[in-house]
Protein backbone atom coordinates (compact mmCIF):
# COMPACT_ATOMS: atom_id res chain seq x y z
CA MET A 1 -10.47 13.60 6.49
CA THR A 2 -8.81 16.11 4.25
CA SER A 3 -11.25 17.34 0.70
CA PRO A 4 -11.04 15.27 -2.18
CA SER A 5 -7.94 16.29 -5.10
CA PRO A 6 -9.45 17.11 -8.17
CA HIS A 7 -8.10 13.50 -9.11
CA LEU A 8 -9.79 11.44 -7.33
CA VAL A 9 -13.92 10.70 -8.21
CA LEU A 10 -16.02 9.31 -5.87
CA PRO A 11 -19.31 8.02 -7.56
CA ARG A 12 -19.90 6.06 -4.15
CA PRO A 13 -18.94 7.61 -1.36
CA ARG A 14 -19.12 5.82 1.46
CA PRO A 15 -17.75 7.07 4.61
CA ASP A 16 -18.06 4.45 6.88
CA ALA A 17 -16.58 2.14 4.30
CA ARG A 18 -14.46 -1.48 5.69
CA LEU A 19 -12.37 -1.31 2.37
CA ARG A 20 -11.01 1.38 0.12
CA LEU A 21 -10.52 0.20 -3.78
CA PHE A 22 -8.57 2.67 -5.97
CA LEU A 23 -8.58 1.79 -9.17
CA PHE A 24 -5.93 3.43 -11.92
CA HIS A 25 -6.45 3.68 -15.57
CA HIS A 26 -4.36 2.83 -19.21
CA ALA A 27 -2.64 4.84 -21.45
CA GLY A 28 -4.35 7.22 -23.86
CA GLY A 29 -8.02 6.94 -22.06
CA SER A 30 -9.91 7.83 -18.80
CA HIS A 31 -11.23 6.92 -15.13
CA MET A 32 -14.44 6.35 -17.17
CA LEU A 33 -13.21 2.62 -18.20
CA PHE A 34 -14.45 1.80 -14.51
CA ARG A 35 -17.65 3.76 -14.61
CA ASP A 36 -19.97 0.83 -13.80
CA TRP A 37 -17.73 -0.76 -11.10
CA PRO A 38 -19.27 0.13 -8.42
CA ALA A 39 -22.55 -0.77 -8.63
CA LEU A 40 -20.54 -4.39 -8.96
CA LEU A 41 -18.82 -4.08 -6.07
CA PRO A 42 -19.44 -4.74 -2.52
CA ASP A 43 -22.08 -1.38 -1.21
CA ASP A 44 -19.46 -0.91 2.19
CA TRP A 45 -16.37 -0.93 -0.60
CA GLU A 46 -15.09 2.88 -1.14
CA VAL A 47 -14.57 3.07 -4.80
CA CYS A 48 -11.84 5.48 -5.51
CA LEU A 49 -11.19 6.63 -9.52
CA ILE A 50 -8.23 8.47 -10.39
CA ALA A 51 -8.12 10.49 -13.46
CA TYR A 52 -5.07 11.08 -14.54
CA PRO A 53 -4.66 15.38 -15.68
CA ALA A 54 -5.00 16.62 -19.72
CA ARG A 55 -8.04 15.06 -19.84
CA LEU A 56 -11.72 15.36 -18.98
CA ARG A 57 -12.57 18.19 -16.84
CA LEU A 58 -8.43 18.73 -16.22
CA HIS A 59 -7.96 18.62 -19.81
CA ARG A 60 -5.83 21.92 -18.94
CA GLU A 61 -3.15 20.29 -16.21
CA PRO A 62 -0.54 19.28 -18.28
CA MET A 63 0.82 15.71 -18.20
CA PRO A 64 4.22 15.58 -15.93
CA PRO A 65 6.83 14.26 -18.16
CA SER A 66 7.39 10.82 -16.62
CA LEU A 67 5.61 8.86 -15.02
CA ASN A 68 7.36 8.95 -11.71
CA ASP A 69 6.27 12.20 -11.52
CA LEU A 70 2.71 11.18 -12.29
CA ALA A 71 2.14 8.81 -9.04
CA ALA A 72 4.32 12.26 -7.23
CA LEU A 73 1.06 14.01 -8.34
CA LEU A 74 -0.93 11.35 -7.87
CA ARG A 75 0.43 10.80 -3.71
CA PRO A 76 -1.84 13.71 -2.16
CA THR A 77 -4.73 11.77 -3.91
CA LEU A 78 -4.46 9.17 -1.13
CA ALA A 79 -3.64 11.81 2.21
CA GLY A 80 -6.81 10.66 4.74
CA ARG A 81 -8.36 7.84 2.72
CA LEU A 82 -5.23 5.13 4.00
CA ASP A 83 -7.04 4.78 7.78
CA ARG A 84 -8.56 1.87 7.29
CA PRO A 85 -7.58 -1.15 4.48
CA PHE A 86 -7.17 0.25 1.24
CA ALA A 87 -6.22 -2.07 -2.31
CA PHE A 88 -5.06 -1.25 -5.70
CA PHE A 89 -5.46 -2.40 -8.97
CA GLY A 90 -3.94 -0.75 -12.17
CA HIS A 91 -4.47 -1.84 -15.68
CA SER A 92 -1.90 -1.39 -18.30
CA MET A 93 0.16 1.65 -17.74
CA GLY A 94 -2.51 1.76 -14.74
CA ALA A 95 -0.23 -1.14 -13.20
CA LEU A 96 2.87 0.68 -13.00
CA VAL A 97 1.01 3.98 -11.47
CA ALA A 98 -0.13 1.66 -8.54
CA TYR A 99 3.25 0.08 -8.61
CA GLN A 100 5.01 3.22 -8.27
CA LEU A 101 2.93 4.48 -6.26
CA THR A 102 3.34 1.50 -4.03
CA LEU A 103 6.68 1.97 -4.17
CA ASP A 104 6.65 5.31 -2.97
CA LEU A 105 4.36 4.64 0.18
CA MET A 106 7.05 2.07 1.16
CA ARG A 107 9.47 4.45 1.55
CA GLU A 108 7.56 6.80 3.33
CA GLY A 109 6.48 4.16 5.44
CA ALA A 110 2.94 5.35 4.57
CA PRO A 111 0.27 2.26 4.72
CA LEU A 112 0.72 -0.06 2.46
CA PRO A 113 -2.46 -1.60 0.15
CA ALA A 114 -3.64 -4.82 1.69
CA TRP A 115 -3.58 -6.30 -2.00
CA LEU A 116 -2.01 -4.86 -5.00
CA GLY A 117 -3.58 -6.42 -8.22
CA LEU A 118 -1.61 -5.49 -11.54
CA SER A 119 -3.41 -5.85 -15.40
CA GLY A 120 -2.10 -5.73 -18.78
CA PHE A 121 1.38 -4.87 -17.68
CA GLU A 122 4.61 -7.51 -17.80
CA ALA A 123 6.74 -7.14 -15.19
CA PRO A 124 9.23 -4.69 -14.58
CA HIS A 125 12.46 -6.58 -15.68
CA ARG A 126 10.69 -6.83 -19.22
CA ALA A 127 8.56 -4.89 -20.04
CA PRO A 128 11.89 -2.10 -20.63
CA LYS A 129 13.16 -4.51 -22.97
CA LYS A 130 9.34 -4.95 -25.15
CA THR A 131 8.80 -1.21 -24.79
CA ARG A 132 11.85 -0.35 -26.26
CA GLU A 133 11.28 -2.61 -28.58
CA ARG A 134 7.24 -1.57 -29.37
CA SER A 135 7.97 2.06 -28.59
CA LEU A 136 4.21 3.04 -29.59
CA HIS A 137 4.73 6.60 -29.34
CA ARG A 138 7.58 7.33 -32.00
CA HIS A 139 5.30 5.64 -34.81
CA ASP A 140 4.03 7.55 -37.97
CA ASP A 141 0.30 8.39 -36.66
CA ALA A 142 -1.00 5.70 -38.92
CA THR A 143 0.94 2.68 -38.13
CA LEU A 144 0.07 3.78 -34.59
CA ARG A 145 -3.54 4.39 -35.05
CA ARG A 146 -3.28 0.01 -36.71
CA GLU A 147 -1.27 -0.92 -33.36
CA LEU A 148 -4.43 1.11 -30.93
CA ALA A 149 -7.52 -0.18 -33.80
CA ALA A 150 -5.19 -4.25 -32.78
CA LEU A 151 -5.81 -3.86 -28.47
CA GLY A 152 -8.81 -3.50 -28.27
CA GLY A 153 -10.64 -1.18 -26.26
CA THR A 154 -11.85 1.63 -28.56
CA PRO A 155 -15.31 2.06 -31.04
CA ALA A 156 -14.81 0.60 -34.44
CA GLY A 157 -13.35 3.03 -36.00
CA PHE A 158 -13.29 6.23 -33.76
CA LEU A 159 -9.71 6.28 -34.92
CA ASP A 160 -10.32 6.07 -38.52
CA ASP A 161 -11.97 9.73 -37.87
CA GLU A 162 -9.49 12.12 -38.38
CA ALA A 163 -11.35 14.53 -36.31
CA ASN A 164 -11.39 11.80 -33.88
CA TRP A 165 -7.78 11.23 -34.22
CA ARG A 166 -6.90 14.49 -33.53
CA ALA A 167 -8.51 15.21 -30.95
CA VAL A 168 -6.47 12.43 -28.77
CA ALA A 169 -3.22 11.50 -30.46
CA ARG A 170 -0.90 14.16 -28.53
CA LEU A 171 -2.63 12.50 -25.30
CA ILE A 172 -2.34 8.76 -26.62
CA ARG A 173 1.63 9.49 -27.49
CA THR A 174 2.68 11.33 -24.43
CA ASP A 175 0.43 8.49 -21.61
CA LEU A 176 2.73 6.62 -24.14
CA GLY A 177 6.07 7.44 -23.82
CA LEU A 178 5.64 7.70 -20.32
CA PHE A 179 5.86 4.23 -19.56
CA GLU A 180 7.47 3.47 -23.02
CA THR A 181 10.60 5.40 -21.38
CA TRP A 182 10.31 4.29 -17.45
CA ARG A 183 12.87 2.25 -15.71
CA GLY A 184 12.41 0.01 -13.12
CA ASP A 185 14.60 0.62 -9.39
CA PRO A 186 16.42 -2.73 -9.85
CA LEU A 187 17.04 -2.06 -5.43
CA ALA A 188 12.97 -2.03 -5.48
CA PRO A 189 12.45 -3.71 -2.54
CA THR A 190 9.84 -7.16 -2.43
CA LEU A 191 6.58 -6.06 -1.86
CA PRO A 192 4.88 -6.98 0.92
CA MET A 193 1.51 -7.56 0.07
CA PRO A 194 -0.59 -10.11 -1.47
CA LEU A 195 -0.40 -9.35 -5.56
CA SER A 196 -2.39 -10.97 -8.12
CA ALA A 197 -1.84 -10.57 -11.67
CA PHE A 198 -3.92 -10.71 -15.03
CA VAL A 199 -3.89 -10.76 -19.23
CA GLY A 200 -6.19 -11.26 -21.74
CA ALA A 201 -4.90 -14.08 -24.06
CA GLY A 202 -4.59 -12.05 -27.54
CA ASP A 203 -2.99 -9.48 -26.02
CA ARG A 204 -0.65 -7.96 -28.35
CA LEU A 205 0.83 -5.80 -26.33
CA VAL A 206 1.98 -7.76 -23.24
CA THR A 207 2.29 -12.21 -22.83
CA GLU A 208 0.97 -13.86 -19.73
CA GLU A 209 4.54 -15.36 -19.81
CA GLY A 210 5.26 -11.89 -18.74
CA VAL A 211 2.60 -10.59 -16.53
CA SER A 212 3.10 -14.20 -14.95
CA HIS A 213 6.79 -13.16 -13.17
CA TRP A 214 5.40 -10.38 -10.98
CA ALA A 215 5.93 -13.83 -8.69
CA TYR A 216 9.13 -12.04 -8.22
CA TYR A 217 8.38 -8.89 -6.33
CA THR A 218 6.09 -10.08 -3.62
CA ARG A 219 6.44 -12.26 -0.75
CA HIS A 220 3.00 -13.42 -1.10
CA TRP A 221 2.12 -14.35 -4.78
CA LEU A 222 -1.95 -15.03 -5.26
CA GLY A 223 -1.00 -15.79 -8.90
CA HIS A 224 -2.42 -14.56 -12.83
CA ARG A 225 -5.18 -15.57 -14.60
CA CYS A 226 -5.55 -14.72 -18.24
CA TRP A 227 -8.85 -14.98 -19.69
CA PRO A 228 -9.86 -15.10 -24.24
CA GLY A 229 -9.61 -11.49 -25.61
CA ASP A 230 -7.15 -8.71 -26.06
CA HIS A 231 -5.79 -5.65 -24.05
CA PHE A 232 -9.27 -4.60 -22.76
CA TRP A 233 -10.92 -8.04 -22.46
CA PHE A 234 -12.53 -6.74 -19.65
CA ALA A 235 -14.39 -3.75 -20.78
CA ALA A 236 -17.53 -5.12 -22.42
CA ASP A 237 -18.72 -7.32 -19.51
CA PRO A 238 -16.51 -6.77 -16.08
CA ARG A 239 -17.88 -9.27 -13.74
CA PRO A 240 -15.29 -12.00 -13.62
CA LEU A 241 -12.75 -9.82 -13.32
CA LEU A 242 -14.43 -8.50 -10.30
CA ASP A 243 -15.30 -11.61 -9.41
CA ALA A 244 -11.79 -12.97 -9.13
CA LEU A 245 -11.09 -9.14 -8.19
CA ARG A 246 -13.23 -10.33 -4.56
CA ALA A 247 -12.03 -13.12 -4.03
CA ASP A 248 -8.61 -11.44 -4.30
CA ILE A 249 -9.09 -9.05 -2.33
CA GLY A 250 -10.42 -12.14 0.17
CA ARG A 251 -7.17 -13.49 0.63
CA ALA A 252 -5.32 -10.60 1.18
CA LEU A 253 -7.40 -9.28 4.28
CA ALA A 254 -7.63 -12.89 5.46
CA LEU A 255 -3.23 -12.72 5.37
CA GLY A 256 -3.55 -9.78 7.60
CA GLY A 257 -2.39 -7.36 4.12
CA ALA A 258 0.96 -5.39 4.27
CA ALA A 259 2.67 -6.93 7.42
CA GLY A 260 5.94 -5.51 7.50
CA VAL A 261 8.20 -3.90 4.44
CA THR A 262 11.58 -6.05 3.69
CA ARG A 263 14.32 -4.24 1.57
CA ALA A 264 15.69 -7.63 0.32
CA ALA A 265 14.71 -7.68 -3.34
CA ALA A 266 13.50 -10.98 -4.89
CA ALA A 267 15.54 -12.93 -6.95
CA VAL A 268 14.90 -11.37 -10.12
CA PRO A 269 16.16 -13.12 -14.25
CA ALA A 270 17.51 -11.16 -16.42
């Protein structure tokens, strides 16, 4: 196996893991969103936290200019780690990164995730319209801070502190710009692996209906789940989400994982 990438964090290495789970985090945040997850997941899983540039120990590494470029930058992180069943889970911008990386693997003819879990992000044919309407990264500071506070995920009062805001504002705007300017490929293939989607009922950024439209992008739709709460409904207690994740990965493995790839796009409504 190749040496770990600087974009890979392994809280609990498992060289003989039965399954690898790659976790992709949200805009403006870090892999620390998932810091408690490894201890709550099966011992024979290797949980792989993906670290984006421009934050924490990678703060000197600039973010790529587009989300597709970010996916390409992260692709080598997977090298040598696709030799057994693996799964992707991404939240918010991380859902889009996980989806784009899956498409990249398909185009390469590389091994594919046995399961794809997408949280807090609407299906590609809906997301561009919503992101154009909101364009959070173009808002003035006061408006952006209000919008971010309403989404949840930050300690109370954090965004009101001027020093805190100066420290994170550029990163947040850059991250938001990546997914708000991303446009899906209308010729992207239907995903062959089972897919599940997740959303908070009180999410101001996405809707349950929009998240449910991921069903059009896979041949094996495992459904969506909606929980009470905001965009980060699982942050305080991830256990209900992790129970669902374990169950759906088990279902995906029982289906045989990603068996075959088709270039025939699913019918996607306008």
